[in-house]
């Protein structure tokens, strides 16, 4: 039987499991690392704010969005 958190992760249908620890900020100098790390605190959820990642293909948008989702689910 799955725990509640395992069920949440499975139901999230992340394209792959990516965390912030596996993101290489040195490869994308245009990404504001302090801002991303602040977002990982998930205060935007409590404030009912949206987060939007924009950029060219291959810049890490999916990785960052998945890491943010993983961080949010880990807080439950």
PDB file of N, CA and C in Angstrom:
ATOM      1  N   UNK A   1       0.839  -1.187   0.000  1.00  0.00           N
ATOM      2  CA  UNK A   1       0.000   0.000   0.000  1.00  0.00           C
ATOM      3  C   UNK A   1       0.882   1.248   0.000  1.00  0.00           C
ATOM      4  N   UNK A   2       0.500   2.233  -0.802  1.00  0.00           N
ATOM      5  CA  UNK A   2       1.272   3.464  -0.922  1.00  0.00           C
ATOM      6  C   UNK A   2       0.953   4.425   0.211  1.00  0.00           C
ATOM      7  N   UNK A   3       1.984   5.161   0.619  1.00  0.00           N
ATOM      8  CA  UNK A   3       1.735   6.226   1.583  1.00  0.00           C
ATOM      9  C   UNK A   3       1.060   7.380   0.853  1.00  0.00           C
ATOM     10  N   UNK A   4       0.520   8.305   1.603  1.00  0.00           N
ATOM     11  CA  UNK A   4      -0.140   9.462   0.995  1.00  0.00           C
ATOM     12  C   UNK A   4       0.803  10.270   0.129  1.00  0.00           C
ATOM     13  N   UNK A   5       2.040  10.446   0.599  1.00  0.00           N
ATOM     14  CA  UNK A   5       3.000  11.231  -0.175  1.00  0.00           C
ATOM     15  C   UNK A   5       3.401  10.505  -1.458  1.00  0.00           C
ATOM     16  N   UNK A   6       3.597   9.198  -1.389  1.00  0.00           N
ATOM     17  CA  UNK A   6       3.916   8.438  -2.596  1.00  0.00           C
ATOM     18  C   UNK A   6       2.792   8.550  -3.616  1.00  0.00           C
ATOM     19  N   UNK A   7       1.566   8.496  -3.144  1.00  0.00           N
ATOM     20  CA  UNK A   7       0.409   8.616  -4.037  1.00  0.00           C
ATOM     21  C   UNK A   7       0.390   9.992  -4.702  1.00  0.00           C
ATOM     22  N   UNK A   8       0.711  11.033  -3.935  1.00  0.00           N
ATOM     23  CA  UNK A   8       0.755  12.384  -4.510  1.00  0.00           C
ATOM     24  C   UNK A   8       1.804  12.480  -5.612  1.00  0.00           C
ATOM     25  N   UNK A   9       2.999  11.922  -5.362  1.00  0.00           N
ATOM     26  CA  UNK A   9       4.060  11.964  -6.368  1.00  0.00           C
ATOM     27  C   UNK A   9       3.651  11.187  -7.618  1.00  0.00           C
ATOM     28  N   UNK A  10       3.032  10.035  -7.431  1.00  0.00           N
ATOM     29  CA  UNK A  10       2.589   9.251  -8.586  1.00  0.00           C
ATOM     30  C   UNK A  10       1.492   9.971  -9.363  1.00  0.00           C
ATOM     31  N   UNK A  11       0.561  10.588  -8.649  1.00  0.00           N
ATOM     32  CA  UNK A  11      -0.535  11.295  -9.310  1.00  0.00           C
ATOM     33  C   UNK A  11      -0.078  12.578  -9.996  1.00  0.00           C
ATOM     34  N   UNK A  12       1.049  13.116  -9.573  1.00  0.00           N
ATOM     35  CA  UNK A  12       1.563  14.347 -10.187  1.00  0.00           C
ATOM     36  C   UNK A  12       2.013  14.109 -11.623  1.00  0.00           C
ATOM     37  N   UNK A  13       2.342  12.877 -11.962  1.00  0.00           N
ATOM     38  CA  UNK A  13       2.776  12.517 -13.323  1.00  0.00           C
ATOM     39  C   UNK A  13       3.910  13.408 -13.824  1.00  0.00           C
ATOM     40  N   UNK A  14       4.913  13.639 -12.977  1.00  0.00           N
ATOM     41  CA  UNK A  14       6.076  14.400 -13.424  1.00  0.00           C
ATOM     42  C   UNK A  14       6.715  13.682 -14.601  1.00  0.00           C
ATOM     43  N   UNK A  15       7.197  14.430 -15.604  1.00  0.00           N
ATOM     44  CA  UNK A  15       7.809  13.781 -16.772  1.00  0.00           C
ATOM     45  C   UNK A  15       9.068  13.002 -16.394  1.00  0.00           C
ATOM     46  N   UNK A  16       9.741  13.438 -15.350  1.00  0.00           N
ATOM     47  CA  UNK A  16      10.907  12.764 -14.801  1.00  0.00           C
ATOM     48  C   UNK A  16      11.102  13.320 -13.398  1.00  0.00           C
ATOM     49  N   UNK A  17      11.788  12.595 -12.557  1.00  0.00           N
ATOM     50  CA  UNK A  17      12.017  13.092 -11.206  1.00  0.00           C
ATOM     51  C   UNK A  17      13.282  13.935 -11.218  1.00  0.00           C
ATOM     52  N   UNK A  18      13.123  15.232 -11.090  1.00  0.00           N
ATOM     53  CA  UNK A  18      14.245  16.164 -11.069  1.00  0.00           C
ATOM     54  C   UNK A  18      14.135  17.005  -9.816  1.00  0.00           C
ATOM     55  N   UNK A  19      15.249  17.145  -9.137  1.00  0.00           N
ATOM     56  CA  UNK A  19      15.289  18.015  -7.966  1.00  0.00           C
ATOM     57  C   UNK A  19      16.248  19.155  -8.249  1.00  0.00           C
ATOM     58  N   UNK A  20      16.230  20.134  -7.390  1.00  0.00           N
ATOM     59  CA  UNK A  20      17.104  21.288  -7.585  1.00  0.00           C
ATOM     60  C   UNK A  20      18.569  20.877  -7.428  1.00  0.00           C
ATOM     61  N   UNK A  21      18.820  19.825  -6.670  1.00  0.00           N
ATOM     62  CA  UNK A  21      20.201  19.369  -6.464  1.00  0.00           C
ATOM     63  C   UNK A  21      20.863  18.909  -7.753  1.00  0.00           C
ATOM     64  N   UNK A  22      20.084  18.469  -8.712  1.00  0.00           N
ATOM     65  CA  UNK A  22      20.666  17.982  -9.961  1.00  0.00           C
ATOM     66  C   UNK A  22      20.675  19.043 -11.060  1.00  0.00           C
ATOM     67  N   UNK A  23      20.275  20.274 -10.731  1.00  0.00           N
ATOM     68  CA  UNK A  23      20.290  21.356 -11.723  1.00  0.00           C
ATOM     69  C   UNK A  23      21.628  22.080 -11.657  1.00  0.00           C
ATOM     70  N   UNK A  24      22.267  22.255 -12.804  1.00  0.00           N
ATOM     71  CA  UNK A  24      23.574  22.915 -12.870  1.00  0.00           C
ATOM     72  C   UNK A  24      23.388  24.380 -13.266  1.00  0.00           C
ATOM     73  N   UNK A  25      23.358  25.242 -12.281  1.00  0.00           N
ATOM     74  CA  UNK A  25      23.162  26.669 -12.534  1.00  0.00           C
ATOM     75  C   UNK A  25      24.315  27.275 -13.331  1.00  0.00           C
ATOM     76  N   UNK A  26      25.485  26.669 -13.277  1.00  0.00           N
ATOM     77  CA  UNK A  26      26.633  27.224 -14.007  1.00  0.00           C
ATOM     78  C   UNK A  26      26.462  27.119 -15.522  1.00  0.00           C
ATOM     79  N   UNK A  27      25.578  26.227 -15.975  1.00  0.00           N
ATOM     80  CA  UNK A  27      25.338  26.086 -17.413  1.00  0.00           C
ATOM     81  C   UNK A  27      24.337  27.101 -17.949  1.00  0.00           C
ATOM     82  N   UNK A  28      23.575  27.729 -17.061  1.00  0.00           N
ATOM     83  CA  UNK A  28      22.561  28.706 -17.468  1.00  0.00           C
ATOM     84  C   UNK A  28      22.750  29.982 -16.637  1.00  0.00           C
ATOM     85  N   UNK A  29      23.648  30.815 -17.077  1.00  0.00           N
ATOM     86  CA  UNK A  29      23.968  32.046 -16.331  1.00  0.00           C
ATOM     87  C   UNK A  29      22.790  33.008 -16.253  1.00  0.00           C
ATOM     88  N   UNK A  30      21.833  32.879 -17.155  1.00  0.00           N
ATOM     89  CA  UNK A  30      20.699  33.810 -17.169  1.00  0.00           C
ATOM     90  C   UNK A  30      19.665  33.497 -16.089  1.00  0.00           C
ATOM     91  N   UNK A  31      19.777  32.349 -15.440  1.00  0.00           N
ATOM     92  CA  UNK A  31      18.804  31.965 -14.415  1.00  0.00           C
ATOM     93  C   UNK A  31      19.221  32.559 -13.074  1.00  0.00           C
ATOM     94  N   UNK A  32      18.266  33.187 -12.427  1.00  0.00           N
ATOM     95  CA  UNK A  32      18.489  33.839 -11.140  1.00  0.00           C
ATOM     96  C   UNK A  32      18.416  32.773 -10.037  1.00  0.00           C
ATOM     97  N   UNK A  33      19.576  32.231  -9.668  1.00  0.00           N
ATOM     98  CA  UNK A  33      19.604  31.136  -8.685  1.00  0.00           C
ATOM     99  C   UNK A  33      18.999  31.528  -7.338  1.00  0.00           C
ATOM    100  N   UNK A  34      19.323  32.712  -6.800  1.00  0.00           N
ATOM    101  CA  UNK A  34      18.698  33.070  -5.511  1.00  0.00           C
ATOM    102  C   UNK A  34      17.165  33.106  -5.586  1.00  0.00           C
ATOM    103  N   UNK A  35      16.621  33.572  -6.698  1.00  0.00           N
ATOM    104  CA  UNK A  35      15.165  33.607  -6.859  1.00  0.00           C
ATOM    105  C   UNK A  35      14.593  32.191  -6.907  1.00  0.00           C
ATOM    106  N   UNK A  36      15.244  31.306  -7.647  1.00  0.00           N
ATOM    107  CA  UNK A  36      14.779  29.916  -7.728  1.00  0.00           C
ATOM    108  C   UNK A  36      14.808  29.279  -6.344  1.00  0.00           C
ATOM    109  N   UNK A  37      15.870  29.499  -5.608  1.00  0.00           N
ATOM    110  CA  UNK A  37      15.979  28.922  -4.262  1.00  0.00           C
ATOM    111  C   UNK A  37      14.909  29.508  -3.330  1.00  0.00           C
ATOM    112  N   UNK A  38      14.576  30.768  -3.534  1.00  0.00           N
ATOM    113  CA  UNK A  38      13.487  31.382  -2.757  1.00  0.00           C
ATOM    114  C   UNK A  38      12.150  30.734  -3.105  1.00  0.00           C
ATOM    115  N   UNK A  39      11.928  30.472  -4.382  1.00  0.00           N
ATOM    116  CA  UNK A  39      10.686  29.828  -4.810  1.00  0.00           C
ATOM    117  C   UNK A  39      10.532  28.438  -4.214  1.00  0.00           C
ATOM    118  N   UNK A  40      11.638  27.758  -3.957  1.00  0.00           N
ATOM    119  CA  UNK A  40      11.582  26.424  -3.373  1.00  0.00           C
ATOM    120  C   UNK A  40      10.978  26.441  -1.970  1.00  0.00           C
ATOM    121  N   UNK A  41      10.907  27.606  -1.346  1.00  0.00           N
ATOM    122  CA  UNK A  41      10.237  27.744  -0.059  1.00  0.00           C
ATOM    123  C   UNK A  41       8.726  27.657  -0.188  1.00  0.00           C
ATOM    124  N   UNK A  42       8.229  27.749  -1.411  1.00  0.00           N
ATOM    125  CA  UNK A  42       6.815  27.563  -1.758  1.00  0.00           C
ATOM    126  C   UNK A  42       5.875  28.611  -1.153  1.00  0.00           C
ATOM    127  N   UNK A  43       6.380  29.769  -0.796  1.00  0.00           N
ATOM    128  CA  UNK A  43       5.508  30.827  -0.283  1.00  0.00           C
ATOM    129  C   UNK A  43       4.514  31.293  -1.342  1.00  0.00           C
ATOM    130  N   UNK A  44       4.876  31.143  -2.610  1.00  0.00           N
ATOM    131  CA  UNK A  44       3.979  31.556  -3.689  1.00  0.00           C
ATOM    132  C   UNK A  44       2.665  30.781  -3.646  1.00  0.00           C
ATOM    133  N   UNK A  45       2.703  29.567  -3.110  1.00  0.00           N
ATOM    134  CA  UNK A  45       1.478  28.764  -3.014  1.00  0.00           C
ATOM    135  C   UNK A  45       0.539  29.367  -1.985  1.00  0.00           C
ATOM    136  N   UNK A  46       1.081  29.686  -0.823  1.00  0.00           N
ATOM    137  CA  UNK A  46       0.271  30.289   0.238  1.00  0.00           C
ATOM    138  C   UNK A  46      -0.300  31.637  -0.185  1.00  0.00           C
ATOM    139  N   UNK A  47       0.445  32.357  -1.028  1.00  0.00           N
ATOM    140  CA  UNK A  47      -0.006  33.667  -1.510  1.00  0.00           C
ATOM    141  C   UNK A  47      -0.885  33.534  -2.752  1.00  0.00           C
ATOM    142  N   UNK A  48      -1.123  32.320  -3.184  1.00  0.00           N
ATOM    143  CA  UNK A  48      -1.863  32.000  -4.419  1.00  0.00           C
ATOM    144  C   UNK A  48      -1.331  32.780  -5.618  1.00  0.00           C
ATOM    145  N   UNK A  49      -0.006  32.781  -5.747  1.00  0.00           N
ATOM    146  CA  UNK A  49       0.665  33.417  -6.884  1.00  0.00           C
ATOM    147  C   UNK A  49       1.105  32.351  -7.870  1.00  0.00           C
ATOM    148  N   UNK A  50       1.273  32.741  -9.103  1.00  0.00           N
ATOM    149  CA  UNK A  50       1.736  31.834 -10.148  1.00  0.00           C
ATOM    150  C   UNK A  50       3.230  32.005 -10.369  1.00  0.00           C
ATOM    151  N   UNK A  51       3.850  30.964 -10.901  1.00  0.00           N
ATOM    152  CA  UNK A  51       5.246  31.010 -11.319  1.00  0.00           C
ATOM    153  C   UNK A  51       5.264  30.639 -12.792  1.00  0.00           C
ATOM    154  N   UNK A  52       5.943  31.433 -13.577  1.00  0.00           N
ATOM    155  CA  UNK A  52       6.010  31.205 -15.017  1.00  0.00           C
ATOM    156  C   UNK A  52       7.471  31.143 -15.435  1.00  0.00           C
ATOM    157  N   UNK A  53       7.854  30.057 -16.092  1.00  0.00           N
ATOM    158  CA  UNK A  53       9.205  29.927 -16.634  1.00  0.00           C
ATOM    159  C   UNK A  53       9.136  30.163 -18.132  1.00  0.00           C
ATOM    160  N   UNK A  54       9.958  31.072 -18.614  1.00  0.00           N
ATOM    161  CA  UNK A  54      10.012  31.380 -20.046  1.00  0.00           C
ATOM    162  C   UNK A  54      11.455  31.272 -20.515  1.00  0.00           C
ATOM    163  N   UNK A  55      11.618  30.807 -21.733  1.00  0.00           N
ATOM    164  CA  UNK A  55      12.960  30.724 -22.287  1.00  0.00           C
ATOM    165  C   UNK A  55      12.989  29.781 -23.467  1.00  0.00           C
ATOM    166  N   UNK A  56      14.135  29.750 -24.093  1.00  0.00           N
ATOM    167  CA  UNK A  56      14.325  28.888 -25.251  1.00  0.00           C
ATOM    168  C   UNK A  56      14.367  27.422 -24.837  1.00  0.00           C
ATOM    169  N   UNK A  57      14.242  26.569 -25.810  1.00  0.00           N
ATOM    170  CA  UNK A  57      14.333  25.133 -25.595  1.00  0.00           C
ATOM    171  C   UNK A  57      15.704  24.789 -25.014  1.00  0.00           C
ATOM    172  N   UNK A  58      15.699  23.883 -24.042  1.00  0.00           N
ATOM    173  CA  UNK A  58      16.959  23.427 -23.485  1.00  0.00           C
ATOM    174  C   UNK A  58      17.544  24.292 -22.388  1.00  0.00           C
ATOM    175  N   UNK A  59      16.757  25.214 -21.856  1.00  0.00           N
ATOM    176  CA  UNK A  59      17.288  26.114 -20.829  1.00  0.00           C
ATOM    177  C   UNK A  59      16.987  25.646 -19.407  1.00  0.00           C
ATOM    178  N   UNK A  60      16.240  24.572 -19.260  1.00  0.00           N
ATOM    179  CA  UNK A  60      15.988  24.017 -17.939  1.00  0.00           C
ATOM    180  C   UNK A  60      14.628  24.315 -17.352  1.00  0.00           C
ATOM    181  N   UNK A  61      13.703  24.799 -18.161  1.00  0.00           N
ATOM    182  CA  UNK A  61      12.368  25.149 -17.650  1.00  0.00           C
ATOM    183  C   UNK A  61      11.653  23.945 -17.040  1.00  0.00           C
ATOM    184  N   UNK A  62      11.656  22.828 -17.738  1.00  0.00           N
ATOM    185  CA  UNK A  62      10.969  21.638 -17.240  1.00  0.00           C
ATOM    186  C   UNK A  62      11.647  21.118 -15.983  1.00  0.00           C
ATOM    187  N   UNK A  63      12.961  21.125 -15.981  1.00  0.00           N
ATOM    188  CA  UNK A  63      13.702  20.674 -14.803  1.00  0.00           C
ATOM    189  C   UNK A  63      13.338  21.537 -13.601  1.00  0.00           C
ATOM    190  N   UNK A  64      13.354  22.849 -13.752  1.00  0.00           N
ATOM    191  CA  UNK A  64      13.043  23.753 -12.645  1.00  0.00           C
ATOM    192  C   UNK A  64      11.590  23.623 -12.196  1.00  0.00           C
ATOM    193  N   UNK A  65      10.671  23.508 -13.143  1.00  0.00           N
ATOM    194  CA  UNK A  65       9.257  23.369 -12.790  1.00  0.00           C
ATOM    195  C   UNK A  65       9.015  22.058 -12.043  1.00  0.00           C
ATOM    196  N   UNK A  66       9.667  20.983 -12.489  1.00  0.00           N
ATOM    197  CA  UNK A  66       9.526  19.700 -11.808  1.00  0.00           C
ATOM    198  C   UNK A  66      10.140  19.763 -10.413  1.00  0.00           C
ATOM    199  N   UNK A  67      11.292  20.399 -10.292  1.00  0.00           N
ATOM    200  CA  UNK A  67      11.932  20.550  -8.985  1.00  0.00           C
ATOM    201  C   UNK A  67      11.053  21.360  -8.043  1.00  0.00           C
ATOM    202  N   UNK A  68      10.394  22.367  -8.572  1.00  0.00           N
ATOM    203  CA  UNK A  68       9.490  23.186  -7.761  1.00  0.00           C
ATOM    204  C   UNK A  68       8.278  22.368  -7.315  1.00  0.00           C
ATOM    205  N   UNK A  69       7.728  21.574  -8.217  1.00  0.00           N
ATOM    206  CA  UNK A  69       6.612  20.702  -7.866  1.00  0.00           C
ATOM    207  C   UNK A  69       7.010  19.658  -6.839  1.00  0.00           C
ATOM    208  N   UNK A  70       8.200  19.104  -7.004  1.00  0.00           N
ATOM    209  CA  UNK A  70       8.710  18.125  -6.050  1.00  0.00           C
ATOM    210  C   UNK A  70       8.873  18.761  -4.670  1.00  0.00           C
ATOM    211  N   UNK A  71       9.401  19.982  -4.636  1.00  0.00           N
ATOM    212  CA  UNK A  71       9.575  20.691  -3.359  1.00  0.00           C
ATOM    213  C   UNK A  71       8.222  20.944  -2.703  1.00  0.00           C
ATOM    214  N   UNK A  72       7.249  21.329  -3.505  1.00  0.00           N
ATOM    215  CA  UNK A  72       5.907  21.606  -2.952  1.00  0.00           C
ATOM    216  C   UNK A  72       5.279  20.337  -2.371  1.00  0.00           C
ATOM    217  N   UNK A  73       5.369  19.226  -3.099  1.00  0.00           N
ATOM    218  CA  UNK A  73       4.790  17.980  -2.606  1.00  0.00           C
ATOM    219  C   UNK A  73       5.542  17.459  -1.380  1.00  0.00           C
ATOM    220  N   UNK A  74       6.830  17.726  -1.309  1.00  0.00           N
ATOM    221  CA  UNK A  74       7.619  17.273  -0.165  1.00  0.00           C
ATOM    222  C   UNK A  74       7.226  17.982   1.121  1.00  0.00           C
ATOM    223  N   UNK A  75       6.591  19.135   0.995  1.00  0.00           N
ATOM    224  CA  UNK A  75       6.195  19.905   2.161  1.00  0.00           C
ATOM    225  C   UNK A  75       4.886  19.384   2.781  1.00  0.00           C
ATOM    226  N   UNK A  76       4.181  18.532   2.051  1.00  0.00           N
ATOM    227  CA  UNK A  76       2.888  18.032   2.540  1.00  0.00           C
ATOM    228  C   UNK A  76       3.066  16.926   3.558  1.00  0.00           C
TER     229      UNK A  76
END
